[in-house]
Amino acid sequence: MLRVVLTLASLALTIYALIDCLQTPDDQVKHIPKLFWALLVLLVPWVGPISWLIAGRTRSLPPRGRPTGPKGPEDDPDFLRGL
């Protein structure tokens, strides 16, 4: 039973990593060309997919802006016009 679970987990991880690899634009792939990453994911169980997910592509995080706090009445043009 454990062998079946591990086989299914390996298959799911490989499929996920392969789809992610093939859908990643070429300019976001790191270290080696996309074709070699895809072959690594397919031919080396566990290590290939995990290495792709960790080191294969750049992870673009959304830019963190400064949190905006509440505005005071002096920052509101409508309030200033009413003075």
PDB file of N, CA and C in Angstrom:
ATOM      1  N   MET A   1       0.816  -1.193   0.000  1.00  0.00           N
ATOM      2  CA  MET A   1       0.000   0.000   0.000  1.00  0.00           C
ATOM      3  C   MET A   1       0.865   1.265   0.000  1.00  0.00           C
ATOM      4  N   LEU A   2       1.929   1.248   0.799  1.00  0.00           N
ATOM      5  CA  LEU A   2       2.824   2.395   0.854  1.00  0.00           C
ATOM      6  C   LEU A   2       3.508   2.617  -0.494  1.00  0.00           C
ATOM      7  N   ARG A   3       3.845   1.536  -1.160  1.00  0.00           N
ATOM      8  CA  ARG A   3       4.481   1.640  -2.473  1.00  0.00           C
ATOM      9  C   ARG A   3       3.545   2.319  -3.475  1.00  0.00           C
ATOM     10  N   VAL A   4       2.271   2.000  -3.407  1.00  0.00           N
ATOM     11  CA  VAL A   4       1.291   2.614  -4.308  1.00  0.00           C
ATOM     12  C   VAL A   4       1.170   4.113  -4.019  1.00  0.00           C
ATOM     13  N   VAL A   5       1.119   4.465  -2.750  1.00  0.00           N
ATOM     14  CA  VAL A   5       1.006   5.875  -2.369  1.00  0.00           C
ATOM     15  C   VAL A   5       2.237   6.657  -2.826  1.00  0.00           C
ATOM     16  N   LEU A   6       3.420   6.098  -2.617  1.00  0.00           N
ATOM     17  CA  LEU A   6       4.641   6.781  -3.045  1.00  0.00           C
ATOM     18  C   LEU A   6       4.722   6.907  -4.566  1.00  0.00           C
ATOM     19  N   THR A   7       4.279   5.884  -5.270  1.00  0.00           N
ATOM     20  CA  THR A   7       4.274   5.937  -6.730  1.00  0.00           C
ATOM     21  C   THR A   7       3.315   7.008  -7.231  1.00  0.00           C
ATOM     22  N   LEU A   8       2.132   7.074  -6.644  1.00  0.00           N
ATOM     23  CA  LEU A   8       1.161   8.092  -7.050  1.00  0.00           C
ATOM     24  C   LEU A   8       1.645   9.499  -6.697  1.00  0.00           C
ATOM     25  N   ALA A   9       2.289   9.643  -5.548  1.00  0.00           N
ATOM     26  CA  ALA A   9       2.827  10.948  -5.159  1.00  0.00           C
ATOM     27  C   ALA A   9       3.937  11.375  -6.115  1.00  0.00           C
ATOM     28  N   SER A  10       4.801  10.450  -6.482  1.00  0.00           N
ATOM     29  CA  SER A  10       5.875  10.755  -7.421  1.00  0.00           C
ATOM     30  C   SER A  10       5.309  11.131  -8.790  1.00  0.00           C
ATOM     31  N   LEU A  11       4.303  10.408  -9.233  1.00  0.00           N
ATOM     32  CA  LEU A  11       3.672  10.693 -10.518  1.00  0.00           C
ATOM     33  C   LEU A  11       2.997  12.063 -10.502  1.00  0.00           C
ATOM     34  N   ALA A  12       2.288  12.369  -9.431  1.00  0.00           N
ATOM     35  CA  ALA A  12       1.614  13.667  -9.327  1.00  0.00           C
ATOM     36  C   ALA A  12       2.628  14.810  -9.298  1.00  0.00           C
ATOM     37  N   LEU A  13       3.698  14.638  -8.544  1.00  0.00           N
ATOM     38  CA  LEU A  13       4.735  15.665  -8.469  1.00  0.00           C
ATOM     39  C   LEU A  13       5.407  15.861  -9.823  1.00  0.00           C
ATOM     40  N   THR A  14       5.674  14.771 -10.519  1.00  0.00           N
ATOM     41  CA  THR A  14       6.306  14.851 -11.834  1.00  0.00           C
ATOM     42  C   THR A  14       5.401  15.556 -12.834  1.00  0.00           C
ATOM     43  N   ILE A  15       4.124  15.213 -12.842  1.00  0.00           N
ATOM     44  CA  ILE A  15       3.185  15.848 -13.775  1.00  0.00           C
ATOM     45  C   ILE A  15       3.066  17.337 -13.479  1.00  0.00           C
ATOM     46  N   TYR A  16       2.941  17.677 -12.201  1.00  0.00           N
ATOM     47  CA  TYR A  16       2.830  19.091 -11.829  1.00  0.00           C
ATOM     48  C   TYR A  16       4.075  19.872 -12.251  1.00  0.00           C
ATOM     49  N   ALA A  17       5.250  19.336 -11.946  1.00  0.00           N
ATOM     50  CA  ALA A  17       6.496  20.031 -12.276  1.00  0.00           C
ATOM     51  C   ALA A  17       6.693  20.121 -13.787  1.00  0.00           C
ATOM     52  N   LEU A  18       6.319  19.088 -14.522  1.00  0.00           N
ATOM     53  CA  LEU A  18       6.475  19.111 -15.973  1.00  0.00           C
ATOM     54  C   LEU A  18       5.561  20.159 -16.597  1.00  0.00           C
ATOM     55  N   ILE A  19       4.317  20.219 -16.162  1.00  0.00           N
ATOM     56  CA  ILE A  19       3.393  21.227 -16.687  1.00  0.00           C
ATOM     57  C   ILE A  19       3.887  22.627 -16.335  1.00  0.00           C
ATOM     58  N   ASP A  20       4.353  22.799 -15.110  1.00  0.00           N
ATOM     59  CA  ASP A  20       4.878  24.097 -14.695  1.00  0.00           C
ATOM     60  C   ASP A  20       6.102  24.474 -15.525  1.00  0.00           C
ATOM     61  N   CYS A  21       6.962  23.521 -15.781  1.00  0.00           N
ATOM     62  CA  CYS A  21       8.164  23.763 -16.578  1.00  0.00           C
ATOM     63  C   CYS A  21       7.804  24.159 -18.011  1.00  0.00           C
ATOM     64  N   LEU A  22       6.885  23.442 -18.612  1.00  0.00           N
ATOM     65  CA  LEU A  22       6.535  23.712 -20.003  1.00  0.00           C
ATOM     66  C   LEU A  22       5.774  25.022 -20.172  1.00  0.00           C
ATOM     67  N   GLN A  23       5.053  25.458 -19.145  1.00  0.00           N
ATOM     68  CA  GLN A  23       4.286  26.698 -19.245  1.00  0.00           C
ATOM     69  C   GLN A  23       5.079  27.935 -18.826  1.00  0.00           C
ATOM     70  N   THR A  24       6.244  27.749 -18.266  1.00  0.00           N
ATOM     71  CA  THR A  24       7.062  28.879 -17.838  1.00  0.00           C
ATOM     72  C   THR A  24       7.720  29.527 -19.055  1.00  0.00           C
ATOM     73  N   PRO A  25       7.626  30.854 -19.182  1.00  0.00           N
ATOM     74  CA  PRO A  25       8.296  31.525 -20.305  1.00  0.00           C
ATOM     75  C   PRO A  25       9.814  31.307 -20.257  1.00  0.00           C
ATOM     76  N   ASP A  26      10.419  31.290 -21.437  1.00  0.00           N
ATOM     77  CA  ASP A  26      11.858  31.007 -21.535  1.00  0.00           C
ATOM     78  C   ASP A  26      12.717  32.004 -20.763  1.00  0.00           C
ATOM     79  N   ASP A  27      12.276  33.247 -20.668  1.00  0.00           N
ATOM     80  CA  ASP A  27      13.104  34.240 -19.984  1.00  0.00           C
ATOM     81  C   ASP A  27      13.063  34.101 -18.465  1.00  0.00           C
ATOM     82  N   GLN A  28      12.186  33.245 -17.936  1.00  0.00           N
ATOM     83  CA  GLN A  28      12.117  33.033 -16.491  1.00  0.00           C
ATOM     84  C   GLN A  28      12.789  31.738 -16.042  1.00  0.00           C
ATOM     85  N   VAL A  29      13.308  30.948 -16.979  1.00  0.00           N
ATOM     86  CA  VAL A  29      13.965  29.687 -16.647  1.00  0.00           C
ATOM     87  C   VAL A  29      15.411  29.976 -16.254  1.00  0.00           C
ATOM     88  N   LYS A  30      15.833  29.409 -15.119  1.00  0.00           N
ATOM     89  CA  LYS A  30      17.185  29.670 -14.610  1.00  0.00           C
ATOM     90  C   LYS A  30      18.105  28.472 -14.850  1.00  0.00           C
ATOM     91  N   HIS A  31      19.377  28.745 -14.913  1.00  0.00           N
ATOM     92  CA  HIS A  31      20.491  27.793 -14.892  1.00  0.00           C
ATOM     93  C   HIS A  31      20.665  26.989 -16.176  1.00  0.00           C
ATOM     94  N   ILE A  32      19.695  26.217 -16.616  1.00  0.00           N
ATOM     95  CA  ILE A  32      19.840  25.409 -17.830  1.00  0.00           C
ATOM     96  C   ILE A  32      18.611  25.622 -18.708  1.00  0.00           C
ATOM     97  N   PRO A  33      18.693  25.306 -20.010  1.00  0.00           N
ATOM     98  CA  PRO A  33      17.545  25.501 -20.900  1.00  0.00           C
ATOM     99  C   PRO A  33      16.326  24.673 -20.476  1.00  0.00           C
ATOM    100  N   LYS A  34      15.166  25.138 -20.908  1.00  0.00           N
ATOM    101  CA  LYS A  34      13.906  24.515 -20.518  1.00  0.00           C
ATOM    102  C   LYS A  34      13.825  23.050 -20.946  1.00  0.00           C
ATOM    103  N   LEU A  35      14.347  22.712 -22.115  1.00  0.00           N
ATOM    104  CA  LEU A  35      14.313  21.327 -22.585  1.00  0.00           C
ATOM    105  C   LEU A  35      15.039  20.399 -21.616  1.00  0.00           C
ATOM    106  N   PHE A  36      16.191  20.832 -21.128  1.00  0.00           N
ATOM    107  CA  PHE A  36      16.941  19.999 -20.182  1.00  0.00           C
ATOM    108  C   PHE A  36      16.232  19.901 -18.838  1.00  0.00           C
ATOM    109  N   TRP A  37      15.571  20.987 -18.421  1.00  0.00           N
ATOM    110  CA  TRP A  37      14.777  20.909 -17.188  1.00  0.00           C
ATOM    111  C   TRP A  37      13.655  19.890 -17.352  1.00  0.00           C
ATOM    112  N   ALA A  38      12.980  19.917 -18.505  1.00  0.00           N
ATOM    113  CA  ALA A  38      11.884  18.976 -18.734  1.00  0.00           C
ATOM    114  C   ALA A  38      12.399  17.536 -18.725  1.00  0.00           C
ATOM    115  N   LEU A  39      13.548  17.302 -19.345  1.00  0.00           N
ATOM    116  CA  LEU A  39      14.125  15.957 -19.329  1.00  0.00           C
ATOM    117  C   LEU A  39      14.524  15.538 -17.919  1.00  0.00           C
ATOM    118  N   LEU A  40      15.082  16.458 -17.152  1.00  0.00           N
ATOM    119  CA  LEU A  40      15.455  16.166 -15.769  1.00  0.00           C
ATOM    120  C   LEU A  40      14.222  15.811 -14.938  1.00  0.00           C
ATOM    121  N   VAL A  41      13.156  16.564 -15.128  1.00  0.00           N
ATOM    122  CA  VAL A  41      11.914  16.294 -14.394  1.00  0.00           C
ATOM    123  C   VAL A  41      11.370  14.915 -14.758  1.00  0.00           C
ATOM    124  N   LEU A  42      11.442  14.558 -16.033  1.00  0.00           N
ATOM    125  CA  LEU A  42      10.896  13.269 -16.473  1.00  0.00           C
ATOM    126  C   LEU A  42      11.770  12.077 -16.102  1.00  0.00           C
ATOM    127  N   LEU A  43      13.083  12.245 -16.175  1.00  0.00           N
ATOM    128  CA  LEU A  43      13.972  11.093 -16.057  1.00  0.00           C
ATOM    129  C   LEU A  43      14.514  10.829 -14.655  1.00  0.00           C
ATOM    130  N   VAL A  44      14.465  11.810 -13.778  1.00  0.00           N
ATOM    131  CA  VAL A  44      15.013  11.631 -12.432  1.00  0.00           C
ATOM    132  C   VAL A  44      13.879  11.805 -11.424  1.00  0.00           C
ATOM    133  N   PRO A  45      13.295  10.697 -10.974  1.00  0.00           N
ATOM    134  CA  PRO A  45      12.160  10.812 -10.058  1.00  0.00           C
ATOM    135  C   PRO A  45      12.543  11.514  -8.758  1.00  0.00           C
ATOM    136  N   TRP A  46      11.633  12.221  -8.203  1.00  0.00           N
ATOM    137  CA  TRP A  46      11.733  12.999  -6.966  1.00  0.00           C
ATOM    138  C   TRP A  46      12.736  14.144  -7.076  1.00  0.00           C
ATOM    139  N   VAL A  47      13.971  13.863  -7.451  1.00  0.00           N
ATOM    140  CA  VAL A  47      15.003  14.900  -7.472  1.00  0.00           C
ATOM    141  C   VAL A  47      14.738  15.909  -8.591  1.00  0.00           C
ATOM    142  N   GLY A  48      14.370  15.439  -9.771  1.00  0.00           N
ATOM    143  CA  GLY A  48      14.113  16.334 -10.894  1.00  0.00           C
ATOM    144  C   GLY A  48      12.977  17.308 -10.630  1.00  0.00           C
ATOM    145  N   PRO A  49      11.795  16.817 -10.274  1.00  0.00           N
ATOM    146  CA  PRO A  49      10.688  17.745 -10.006  1.00  0.00           C
ATOM    147  C   PRO A  49      10.950  18.693  -8.839  1.00  0.00           C
ATOM    148  N   ILE A  50      11.546  18.186  -7.771  1.00  0.00           N
ATOM    149  CA  ILE A  50      11.807  19.049  -6.614  1.00  0.00           C
ATOM    150  C   ILE A  50      12.851  20.107  -6.959  1.00  0.00           C
ATOM    151  N   SER A  51      13.881  19.726  -7.722  1.00  0.00           N
ATOM    152  CA  SER A  51      14.891  20.715  -8.103  1.00  0.00           C
ATOM    153  C   SER A  51      14.295  21.774  -9.030  1.00  0.00           C
ATOM    154  N   TRP A  52      13.365  21.381  -9.909  1.00  0.00           N
ATOM    155  CA  TRP A  52      12.700  22.378 -10.755  1.00  0.00           C
ATOM    156  C   TRP A  52      11.889  23.351  -9.900  1.00  0.00           C
ATOM    157  N   LEU A  53      11.138  22.829  -8.957  1.00  0.00           N
ATOM    158  CA  LEU A  53      10.287  23.686  -8.140  1.00  0.00           C
ATOM    159  C   LEU A  53      11.098  24.617  -7.245  1.00  0.00           C
ATOM    160  N   ILE A  54      12.277  24.184  -6.824  1.00  0.00           N
ATOM    161  CA  ILE A  54      13.095  25.020  -5.940  1.00  0.00           C
ATOM    162  C   ILE A  54      13.986  25.976  -6.736  1.00  0.00           C
ATOM    163  N   ALA A  55      14.657  25.477  -7.772  1.00  0.00           N
ATOM    164  CA  ALA A  55      15.692  26.283  -8.423  1.00  0.00           C
ATOM    165  C   ALA A  55      15.480  26.513  -9.911  1.00  0.00           C
ATOM    166  N   GLY A  56      14.412  26.023 -10.485  1.00  0.00           N
ATOM    167  CA  GLY A  56      14.277  26.053 -11.934  1.00  0.00           C
ATOM    168  C   GLY A  56      13.844  27.362 -12.545  1.00  0.00           C
ATOM    169  N   ARG A  57      13.065  28.142 -11.828  1.00  0.00           N
ATOM    170  CA  ARG A  57      12.583  29.376 -12.426  1.00  0.00           C
ATOM    171  C   ARG A  57      12.550  30.480 -11.389  1.00  0.00           C
ATOM    172  N   THR A  58      12.507  31.688 -11.899  1.00  0.00           N
ATOM    173  CA  THR A  58      12.442  32.826 -10.992  1.00  0.00           C
ATOM    174  C   THR A  58      11.024  32.955 -10.469  1.00  0.00           C
ATOM    175  N   ARG A  59      10.918  33.221  -9.221  1.00  0.00           N
ATOM    176  CA  ARG A  59       9.610  33.437  -8.607  1.00  0.00           C
ATOM    177  C   ARG A  59       9.382  34.936  -8.533  1.00  0.00           C
ATOM    178  N   SER A  60       8.416  35.394  -9.277  1.00  0.00           N
ATOM    179  CA  SER A  60       8.146  36.826  -9.262  1.00  0.00           C
ATOM    180  C   SER A  60       7.097  37.121  -8.198  1.00  0.00           C
ATOM    181  N   LEU A  61       7.533  37.831  -7.197  1.00  0.00           N
ATOM    182  CA  LEU A  61       6.636  38.226  -6.128  1.00  0.00           C
ATOM    183  C   LEU A  61       6.082  39.608  -6.435  1.00  0.00           C
ATOM    184  N   PRO A  62       4.866  39.867  -6.046  1.00  0.00           N
ATOM    185  CA  PRO A  62       4.330  41.203  -6.282  1.00  0.00           C
ATOM    186  C   PRO A  62       5.115  42.238  -5.479  1.00  0.00           C
ATOM    187  N   PRO A  63       5.313  43.408  -6.045  1.00  0.00           N
ATOM    188  CA  PRO A  63       6.084  44.418  -5.324  1.00  0.00           C
ATOM    189  C   PRO A  63       5.370  44.839  -4.043  1.00  0.00           C
ATOM    190  N   ARG A  64       6.171  44.989  -3.019  1.00  0.00           N
ATOM    191  CA  ARG A  64       5.601  45.395  -1.740  1.00  0.00           C
ATOM    192  C   ARG A  64       5.698  46.906  -1.627  1.00  0.00           C
ATOM    193  N   GLY A  65       4.579  47.552  -1.685  1.00  0.00           N
ATOM    194  CA  GLY A  65       4.552  48.997  -1.530  1.00  0.00           C
ATOM    195  C   GLY A  65       4.398  49.358  -0.062  1.00  0.00           C
ATOM    196  N   ARG A  66       4.556  50.621   0.197  1.00  0.00           N
ATOM    197  CA  ARG A  66       4.358  51.077   1.565  1.00  0.00           C
ATOM    198  C   ARG A  66       2.882  51.009   1.894  1.00  0.00           C
ATOM    199  N   PRO A  67       2.558  50.521   3.051  1.00  0.00           N
ATOM    200  CA  PRO A  67       1.142  50.502   3.412  1.00  0.00           C
ATOM    201  C   PRO A  67       0.644  51.930   3.619  1.00  0.00           C
ATOM    202  N   THR A  68      -0.495  52.195   3.067  1.00  0.00           N
ATOM    203  CA  THR A  68      -1.049  53.535   3.212  1.00  0.00           C
ATOM    204  C   THR A  68      -1.902  53.586   4.463  1.00  0.00           C
ATOM    205  N   GLY A  69      -1.626  54.555   5.267  1.00  0.00           N
ATOM    206  CA  GLY A  69      -2.388  54.740   6.493  1.00  0.00           C
ATOM    207  C   GLY A  69      -3.588  55.631   6.231  1.00  0.00           C
ATOM    208  N   PRO A  70      -4.317  55.903   7.249  1.00  0.00           N
ATOM    209  CA  PRO A  70      -5.473  56.794   7.071  1.00  0.00           C
ATOM    210  C   PRO A  70      -5.007  58.213   6.747  1.00  0.00           C
ATOM    211  N   LYS A  71      -5.780  58.895   5.921  1.00  0.00           N
ATOM    212  CA  LYS A  71      -5.442  60.261   5.540  1.00  0.00           C
ATOM    213  C   LYS A  71      -6.085  61.229   6.524  1.00  0.00           C
ATOM    214  N   GLY A  72      -5.361  62.266   6.807  1.00  0.00           N
ATOM    215  CA  GLY A  72      -5.905  63.314   7.658  1.00  0.00           C
ATOM    216  C   GLY A  72      -6.739  64.284   6.838  1.00  0.00           C
ATOM    217  N   PRO A  73      -7.514  65.124   7.487  1.00  0.00           N
ATOM    218  CA  PRO A  73      -8.361  66.066   6.745  1.00  0.00           C
ATOM    219  C   PRO A  73      -7.551  67.066   5.923  1.00  0.00           C
ATOM    220  N   GLU A  74      -6.310  67.344   6.324  1.00  0.00           N
ATOM    221  CA  GLU A  74      -5.506  68.293   5.550  1.00  0.00           C
ATOM    222  C   GLU A  74      -5.039  67.710   4.218  1.00  0.00           C
ATOM    223  N   ASP A  75      -5.197  66.410   4.025  1.00  0.00           N
ATOM    224  CA  ASP A  75      -4.831  65.767   2.762  1.00  0.00           C
ATOM    225  C   ASP A  75      -6.013  65.669   1.807  1.00  0.00           C
ATOM    226  N   ASP A  76      -7.187  66.050   2.233  1.00  0.00           N
ATOM    227  CA  ASP A  76      -8.394  65.943   1.418  1.00  0.00           C
ATOM    228  C   ASP A  76      -8.694  67.298   0.779  1.00  0.00           C
ATOM    229  N   PRO A  77      -8.580  67.407  -0.556  1.00  0.00           N
ATOM    230  CA  PRO A  77      -8.816  68.701  -1.211  1.00  0.00           C
ATOM    231  C   PRO A  77     -10.237  69.225  -0.993  1.00  0.00           C
ATOM    232  N   ASP A  78     -11.216  68.341  -0.947  1.00  0.00           N
ATOM    233  CA  ASP A  78     -12.594  68.789  -0.726  1.00  0.00           C
ATOM    234  C   ASP A  78     -12.743  69.430   0.653  1.00  0.00           C
ATOM    235  N   PHE A  79     -12.099  68.871   1.635  1.00  0.00           N
ATOM    236  CA  PHE A  79     -12.157  69.434   2.983  1.00  0.00           C
ATOM    237  C   PHE A  79     -11.496  70.809   3.012  1.00  0.00           C
ATOM    238  N   LEU A  80     -10.357  70.924   2.320  1.00  0.00           N
ATOM    239  CA  LEU A  80      -9.642  72.198   2.320  1.00  0.00           C
ATOM    240  C   LEU A  80     -10.416  73.282   1.575  1.00  0.00           C
ATOM    241  N   ARG A  81     -11.167  72.918   0.520  1.00  0.00           N
ATOM    242  CA  ARG A  81     -11.981  73.887  -0.207  1.00  0.00           C
ATOM    243  C   ARG A  81     -13.112  74.422   0.670  1.00  0.00           C
ATOM    244  N   GLY A  82     -13.600  73.567   1.551  1.00  0.00           N
ATOM    245  CA  GLY A  82     -14.716  73.969   2.412  1.00  0.00           C
ATOM    246  C   GLY A  82     -14.309  74.865   3.563  1.00  0.00           C
ATOM    247  N   LEU A  83     -13.028  75.088   3.771  1.00  0.00           N
ATOM    248  CA  LEU A  83     -12.589  75.948   4.881  1.00  0.00           C
ATOM    249  C   LEU A  83     -12.770  77.410   4.589  1.00  0.00           C
TER     250      LEU A  83
END
